[in-house]
């Protein structure tokens, strides 16, 4: 069972990315958001950290 924000939940297996760096950064940010949400942080807190 993968934890919230784990890479295997954010990246599709077997898919070749046209821009792998951009895809990895986007997946990292989605994973970071999922981890914060799983810890029960409020949307305002998460949004403030993302805009940062």
Protein backbone atom coordinates (compact mmCIF):
# COMPACT_ATOMS: atom_id res chain seq x y z
CA UNK A 1 0.00 0.00 0.00
CA UNK A 2 1.51 3.30 -1.11
CA UNK A 3 1.49 6.37 1.09
CA UNK A 4 -0.16 9.59 -0.02
CA UNK A 5 2.15 11.38 -2.43
CA UNK A 6 4.18 8.29 -3.35
CA UNK A 7 5.77 8.41 -6.80
CA UNK A 8 3.94 5.32 -8.07
CA UNK A 9 0.64 7.10 -7.41
CA UNK A 10 1.70 10.23 -9.29
CA UNK A 11 3.52 8.87 -12.37
CA UNK A 12 1.99 6.48 -14.89
CA UNK A 13 3.97 3.28 -15.28
CA UNK A 14 5.30 2.52 -18.78
CA UNK A 15 4.63 6.00 -20.16
CA UNK A 16 7.48 7.85 -21.87
CA UNK A 17 7.33 11.52 -20.97
CA UNK A 18 8.06 14.10 -23.66
CA UNK A 19 9.40 16.45 -21.01
CA UNK A 20 10.55 14.20 -18.15
CA UNK A 21 11.88 17.03 -15.97
CA UNK A 22 8.61 18.92 -16.10
CA UNK A 23 6.59 15.77 -15.50
CA UNK A 24 8.74 14.89 -12.48
CA UNK A 25 8.41 18.35 -10.96
CA UNK A 26 4.63 18.33 -11.48
CA UNK A 27 4.39 14.86 -9.92
CA UNK A 28 6.51 15.98 -6.97
CA UNK A 29 4.25 18.95 -6.36
CA UNK A 30 1.10 16.79 -6.58
CA UNK A 31 2.68 14.32 -4.17
CA UNK A 32 3.67 17.08 -1.77
CA UNK A 33 0.07 18.39 -1.84
CA UNK A 34 -1.30 14.89 -1.22
CA UNK A 35 1.03 14.44 1.75
CA UNK A 36 -0.08 17.73 3.27
CA UNK A 37 -3.74 16.88 2.76
CA UNK A 38 -3.24 13.45 4.34
CA UNK A 39 -1.85 15.22 7.41
CA UNK A 40 -5.07 17.23 7.66
CA UNK A 41 -3.67 20.62 6.72
CA UNK A 42 -6.18 23.21 5.58
CA UNK A 43 -6.42 24.25 1.93
CA UNK A 44 -5.36 27.82 2.81
CA UNK A 45 -2.17 26.53 4.42
CA UNK A 46 -1.32 24.33 1.44
CA UNK A 47 -2.09 27.08 -1.09
CA UNK A 48 0.11 29.52 0.82
CA UNK A 49 3.00 27.08 0.77
CA UNK A 50 2.58 26.42 -2.95
CA UNK A 51 2.56 30.10 -3.85
CA UNK A 52 5.53 30.63 -1.75
